[in-house]
Structures are given as structure tokens and as C-alpha cells.
Amino acid sequence: MTLAIPAYLAIIGFLGWSAWRGGQTEKVMFIVNLGFLWLSAIWLFGYPALILPAVAAAGSFLLFLVVMTSSDLRIPVAVTEPYDTREDDYDLR
């Protein structure tokens, strides 16, 4: 089983290179092959291969919601006029 992991990594690397350099069909087949690799991981490892991507997706969606709504948490800063440094405004005596 430990020898299968580098084989999968080599397959994913080759498929990614082929999809990057290839046409539209190879890009679609790359997505299909990633789906089949995920299904084979579910077949090999069982429930953890199914639940871990779901937990990661839920966490990333929660982070997305926090980032989208956190603009209300910032303290508003009043905009002040720039300080005028012209000499005619000062009495330098």
C-alpha cells in the first residue's frame, strides 16, 4: 500500500502536465480522472477519504463567510483634512 502512494502522485503529476499542455478534452479528462482517483481513495481508505474533503470544504466556506462579513468589525476612522503648511498661515514673529 505504501508503494501505491508515490504511484498515485506520479499519475496525478503526469495528468496535470498533460492537461496544462493539452486541449479542451484533456482538461475535462483531468477532472474526470481526479474524480476517479478520489473514488479509488474512498475504496482504499474508506470513510476518512470521504469525510476529510467535506470537513475541509466546510471550514473554508466558514472562513469565506467570516471574511465577507468582517468589514463591519473594523473601527471607522474619521477622515481629517490635510494640515496646511504654507508660511502665510503662520505668524512667525
N, C-alpha and C. Protein backbone atom coordinates (compact mmCIF):
# COMPACT_ATOMS: atom_id res chain seq x y z
N MET A 1 0.82 -1.19 0.00
CA MET A 1 0.00 0.00 0.00
C MET A 1 0.87 1.26 0.00
N THR A 2 2.00 1.24 0.70
CA THR A 2 2.84 2.44 0.72
C THR A 2 3.47 2.70 -0.63
N LEU A 3 3.62 1.66 -1.45
CA LEU A 3 4.15 1.88 -2.79
C LEU A 3 3.10 2.46 -3.73
N ALA A 4 1.84 2.36 -3.36
CA ALA A 4 0.77 2.89 -4.20
C ALA A 4 0.71 4.42 -4.14
N ILE A 5 1.11 5.00 -3.01
CA ILE A 5 1.01 6.46 -2.84
C ILE A 5 1.93 7.19 -3.83
N PRO A 6 3.22 6.84 -3.96
CA PRO A 6 4.03 7.52 -4.99
C PRO A 6 3.52 7.29 -6.41
N ALA A 7 2.93 6.13 -6.64
CA ALA A 7 2.38 5.87 -7.97
C ALA A 7 1.22 6.81 -8.26
N TYR A 8 0.37 7.03 -7.25
CA TYR A 8 -0.73 7.97 -7.44
C TYR A 8 -0.21 9.39 -7.66
N LEU A 9 0.81 9.78 -6.93
CA LEU A 9 1.37 11.12 -7.11
C LEU A 9 1.97 11.29 -8.50
N ALA A 10 2.64 10.25 -8.98
CA ALA A 10 3.19 10.32 -10.34
C ALA A 10 2.07 10.40 -11.38
N ILE A 11 1.01 9.68 -11.15
CA ILE A 11 -0.12 9.70 -12.09
C ILE A 11 -0.76 11.09 -12.10
N ILE A 12 -0.97 11.67 -10.92
CA ILE A 12 -1.58 13.00 -10.85
C ILE A 12 -0.68 14.03 -11.51
N GLY A 13 0.63 13.93 -11.29
CA GLY A 13 1.57 14.86 -11.92
C GLY A 13 1.56 14.76 -13.43
N PHE A 14 1.54 13.53 -13.93
CA PHE A 14 1.51 13.34 -15.38
C PHE A 14 0.20 13.84 -15.97
N LEU A 15 -0.89 13.56 -15.29
CA LEU A 15 -2.19 14.02 -15.79
C LEU A 15 -2.29 15.54 -15.75
N GLY A 16 -1.75 16.16 -14.71
CA GLY A 16 -1.75 17.62 -14.63
C GLY A 16 -0.91 18.24 -15.73
N TRP A 17 0.25 17.67 -16.00
CA TRP A 17 1.10 18.20 -17.07
C TRP A 17 0.40 18.06 -18.41
N SER A 18 -0.25 16.93 -18.62
CA SER A 18 -0.96 16.70 -19.88
C SER A 18 -2.13 17.67 -20.03
N ALA A 19 -2.85 17.93 -18.94
CA ALA A 19 -3.98 18.85 -19.01
C ALA A 19 -3.51 20.27 -19.24
N TRP A 20 -2.37 20.64 -18.67
CA TRP A 20 -1.85 22.00 -18.82
C TRP A 20 -1.41 22.25 -20.25
N ARG A 21 -0.80 21.27 -20.86
CA ARG A 21 -0.27 21.43 -22.22
C ARG A 21 -1.26 21.02 -23.31
N GLY A 22 -2.30 20.30 -22.95
CA GLY A 22 -3.19 19.72 -23.94
C GLY A 22 -4.38 20.60 -24.28
N GLY A 23 -5.32 19.98 -24.98
CA GLY A 23 -6.51 20.69 -25.43
C GLY A 23 -7.64 20.60 -24.42
N GLN A 24 -8.83 20.97 -24.88
CA GLN A 24 -10.00 21.03 -24.03
C GLN A 24 -10.40 19.63 -23.53
N THR A 25 -10.27 18.62 -24.36
CA THR A 25 -10.64 17.27 -23.96
C THR A 25 -9.75 16.76 -22.84
N GLU A 26 -8.47 17.06 -22.91
CA GLU A 26 -7.56 16.61 -21.85
C GLU A 26 -7.83 17.33 -20.53
N LYS A 27 -8.27 18.56 -20.59
CA LYS A 27 -8.63 19.28 -19.36
C LYS A 27 -9.86 18.63 -18.70
N VAL A 28 -10.84 18.26 -19.49
CA VAL A 28 -12.03 17.60 -18.96
C VAL A 28 -11.67 16.22 -18.42
N MET A 29 -10.85 15.49 -19.15
CA MET A 29 -10.44 14.17 -18.70
C MET A 29 -9.60 14.24 -17.42
N PHE A 30 -8.85 15.33 -17.21
CA PHE A 30 -8.11 15.51 -15.97
C PHE A 30 -9.06 15.58 -14.78
N ILE A 31 -10.14 16.33 -14.93
CA ILE A 31 -11.13 16.44 -13.85
C ILE A 31 -11.80 15.09 -13.61
N VAL A 32 -12.12 14.39 -14.69
CA VAL A 32 -12.74 13.07 -14.56
C VAL A 32 -11.78 12.11 -13.86
N ASN A 33 -10.52 12.13 -14.24
CA ASN A 33 -9.53 11.24 -13.61
C ASN A 33 -9.32 11.58 -12.15
N LEU A 34 -9.34 12.87 -11.79
CA LEU A 34 -9.24 13.23 -10.38
C LEU A 34 -10.44 12.68 -9.60
N GLY A 35 -11.60 12.71 -10.20
CA GLY A 35 -12.77 12.12 -9.56
C GLY A 35 -12.62 10.62 -9.36
N PHE A 36 -12.09 9.95 -10.37
CA PHE A 36 -11.86 8.50 -10.23
C PHE A 36 -10.78 8.19 -9.20
N LEU A 37 -9.74 9.04 -9.12
CA LEU A 37 -8.72 8.84 -8.10
C LEU A 37 -9.30 9.04 -6.70
N TRP A 38 -10.20 10.00 -6.57
CA TRP A 38 -10.84 10.22 -5.27
C TRP A 38 -11.73 9.03 -4.91
N LEU A 39 -12.45 8.51 -5.89
CA LEU A 39 -13.27 7.32 -5.63
C LEU A 39 -12.41 6.12 -5.26
N SER A 40 -11.25 5.98 -5.89
CA SER A 40 -10.36 4.87 -5.52
C SER A 40 -9.78 5.09 -4.13
N ALA A 41 -9.56 6.35 -3.72
CA ALA A 41 -9.11 6.61 -2.35
C ALA A 41 -10.21 6.25 -1.35
N ILE A 42 -11.46 6.50 -1.70
CA ILE A 42 -12.57 6.10 -0.85
C ILE A 42 -12.62 4.58 -0.76
N TRP A 43 -12.38 3.91 -1.86
CA TRP A 43 -12.38 2.46 -1.87
C TRP A 43 -11.23 1.91 -1.03
N LEU A 44 -10.04 2.57 -1.11
CA LEU A 44 -8.87 2.09 -0.36
C LEU A 44 -8.96 2.43 1.13
N PHE A 45 -9.28 3.68 1.45
CA PHE A 45 -9.21 4.15 2.83
C PHE A 45 -10.56 4.24 3.52
N GLY A 46 -11.61 4.22 2.76
CA GLY A 46 -12.95 4.21 3.35
C GLY A 46 -13.46 5.61 3.69
N TYR A 47 -14.16 5.68 4.81
CA TYR A 47 -14.86 6.88 5.22
C TYR A 47 -13.97 8.11 5.39
N PRO A 48 -12.72 8.00 5.91
CA PRO A 48 -11.90 9.21 6.04
C PRO A 48 -11.63 9.92 4.71
N ALA A 49 -11.49 9.18 3.64
CA ALA A 49 -11.27 9.80 2.34
C ALA A 49 -12.51 10.53 1.85
N LEU A 50 -13.65 10.18 2.39
CA LEU A 50 -14.89 10.85 2.01
C LEU A 50 -15.18 12.06 2.90
N ILE A 51 -14.91 11.93 4.21
CA ILE A 51 -15.31 12.98 5.15
C ILE A 51 -14.28 14.10 5.24
N LEU A 52 -12.99 13.81 5.07
CA LEU A 52 -11.98 14.86 5.22
C LEU A 52 -12.12 15.97 4.18
N PRO A 53 -12.37 15.70 2.90
CA PRO A 53 -12.63 16.82 1.98
C PRO A 53 -13.89 17.60 2.33
N ALA A 54 -14.90 16.93 2.86
CA ALA A 54 -16.12 17.64 3.26
C ALA A 54 -15.86 18.56 4.44
N VAL A 55 -15.07 18.11 5.41
CA VAL A 55 -14.74 18.96 6.56
C VAL A 55 -13.88 20.14 6.11
N ALA A 56 -12.94 19.90 5.21
CA ALA A 56 -12.11 20.98 4.70
C ALA A 56 -12.95 22.00 3.92
N ALA A 57 -13.90 21.52 3.14
CA ALA A 57 -14.78 22.43 2.40
C ALA A 57 -15.66 23.25 3.34
N ALA A 58 -16.15 22.63 4.41
CA ALA A 58 -16.98 23.37 5.37
C ALA A 58 -16.15 24.43 6.08
N GLY A 59 -14.93 24.09 6.45
CA GLY A 59 -14.07 25.08 7.10
C GLY A 59 -13.72 26.24 6.19
N SER A 60 -13.43 25.93 4.94
CA SER A 60 -13.10 27.01 4.00
C SER A 60 -14.32 27.88 3.72
N PHE A 61 -15.50 27.31 3.68
CA PHE A 61 -16.71 28.10 3.47
C PHE A 61 -16.98 28.99 4.68
N LEU A 62 -16.73 28.48 5.88
CA LEU A 62 -16.89 29.30 7.08
C LEU A 62 -15.89 30.46 7.08
N LEU A 63 -14.67 30.19 6.69
CA LEU A 63 -13.67 31.26 6.57
C LEU A 63 -14.09 32.30 5.54
N PHE A 64 -14.64 31.84 4.42
CA PHE A 64 -15.14 32.75 3.39
C PHE A 64 -16.24 33.65 3.95
N LEU A 65 -17.15 33.08 4.72
CA LEU A 65 -18.23 33.89 5.31
C LEU A 65 -17.69 34.89 6.31
N VAL A 66 -16.71 34.51 7.11
CA VAL A 66 -16.12 35.43 8.08
C VAL A 66 -15.44 36.58 7.36
N VAL A 67 -14.69 36.28 6.30
CA VAL A 67 -14.01 37.33 5.55
C VAL A 67 -15.01 38.27 4.89
N MET A 68 -16.09 37.73 4.37
CA MET A 68 -17.09 38.55 3.70
C MET A 68 -17.84 39.46 4.67
N THR A 69 -18.04 39.01 5.90
CA THR A 69 -18.82 39.80 6.84
C THR A 69 -17.97 40.56 7.84
N SER A 70 -16.68 40.43 7.80
CA SER A 70 -15.84 41.08 8.81
C SER A 70 -15.60 42.56 8.53
N SER A 71 -16.08 43.08 7.43
CA SER A 71 -15.88 44.50 7.17
C SER A 71 -16.65 45.36 8.18
N ASP A 72 -17.69 44.82 8.80
CA ASP A 72 -18.44 45.56 9.81
C ASP A 72 -17.69 45.62 11.14
N LEU A 73 -16.68 44.80 11.32
CA LEU A 73 -15.95 44.77 12.58
C LEU A 73 -14.87 45.83 12.66
N ARG A 74 -14.51 46.42 11.54
CA ARG A 74 -13.45 47.43 11.55
C ARG A 74 -13.95 48.71 12.19
N ILE A 75 -13.08 49.38 12.92
CA ILE A 75 -13.44 50.64 13.56
C ILE A 75 -13.38 51.75 12.51
N PRO A 76 -14.46 52.50 12.34
CA PRO A 76 -14.42 53.58 11.35
C PRO A 76 -13.47 54.68 11.78
N VAL A 77 -12.69 55.15 10.86
CA VAL A 77 -11.73 56.21 11.13
C VAL A 77 -12.21 57.47 10.44
N ALA A 78 -12.26 58.57 11.19
CA ALA A 78 -12.71 59.83 10.62
C ALA A 78 -11.63 60.37 9.68
N VAL A 79 -12.05 60.87 8.55
CA VAL A 79 -11.12 61.45 7.60
C VAL A 79 -10.91 62.90 7.97
N THR A 80 -9.66 63.29 8.16
CA THR A 80 -9.34 64.67 8.52
C THR A 80 -8.73 65.38 7.33
N GLU A 81 -8.87 66.67 7.35
CA GLU A 81 -8.28 67.47 6.28
C GLU A 81 -6.76 67.49 6.44
N PRO A 82 -6.03 67.51 5.35
CA PRO A 82 -4.57 67.57 5.47
C PRO A 82 -4.14 68.90 6.08
N TYR A 83 -3.08 68.85 6.85
CA TYR A 83 -2.56 70.04 7.53
C TYR A 83 -1.89 70.94 6.51
N ASP A 84 -2.27 72.20 6.51
CA ASP A 84 -1.73 73.15 5.55
C ASP A 84 -0.43 73.73 6.11
N THR A 85 0.65 73.62 5.39
CA THR A 85 1.96 74.06 5.88
C THR A 85 2.46 75.31 5.16
N ARG A 86 1.58 76.05 4.55
CA ARG A 86 2.03 77.27 3.88
C ARG A 86 2.46 78.30 4.91
N GLU A 87 3.44 79.10 4.56
CA GLU A 87 4.01 80.06 5.50
C GLU A 87 3.07 81.23 5.79
N ASP A 88 2.18 81.56 4.86
CA ASP A 88 1.34 82.72 5.07
C ASP A 88 0.27 82.46 6.14
N ASP A 89 0.07 81.25 6.56
CA ASP A 89 -0.89 80.95 7.60
C ASP A 89 -0.31 81.09 9.01
N TYR A 90 0.98 81.22 9.10
CA TYR A 90 1.64 81.27 10.39
C TYR A 90 2.13 82.68 10.71
N ASP A 91 2.13 82.99 11.96
CA ASP A 91 2.73 84.22 12.41
C ASP A 91 4.08 83.83 13.03
N LEU A 92 5.15 84.03 12.28
CA LEU A 92 6.45 83.54 12.71
C LEU A 92 7.25 84.58 13.48
N ARG A 93 6.64 85.62 14.00
CA ARG A 93 7.38 86.64 14.75
C ARG A 93 7.62 86.28 16.16
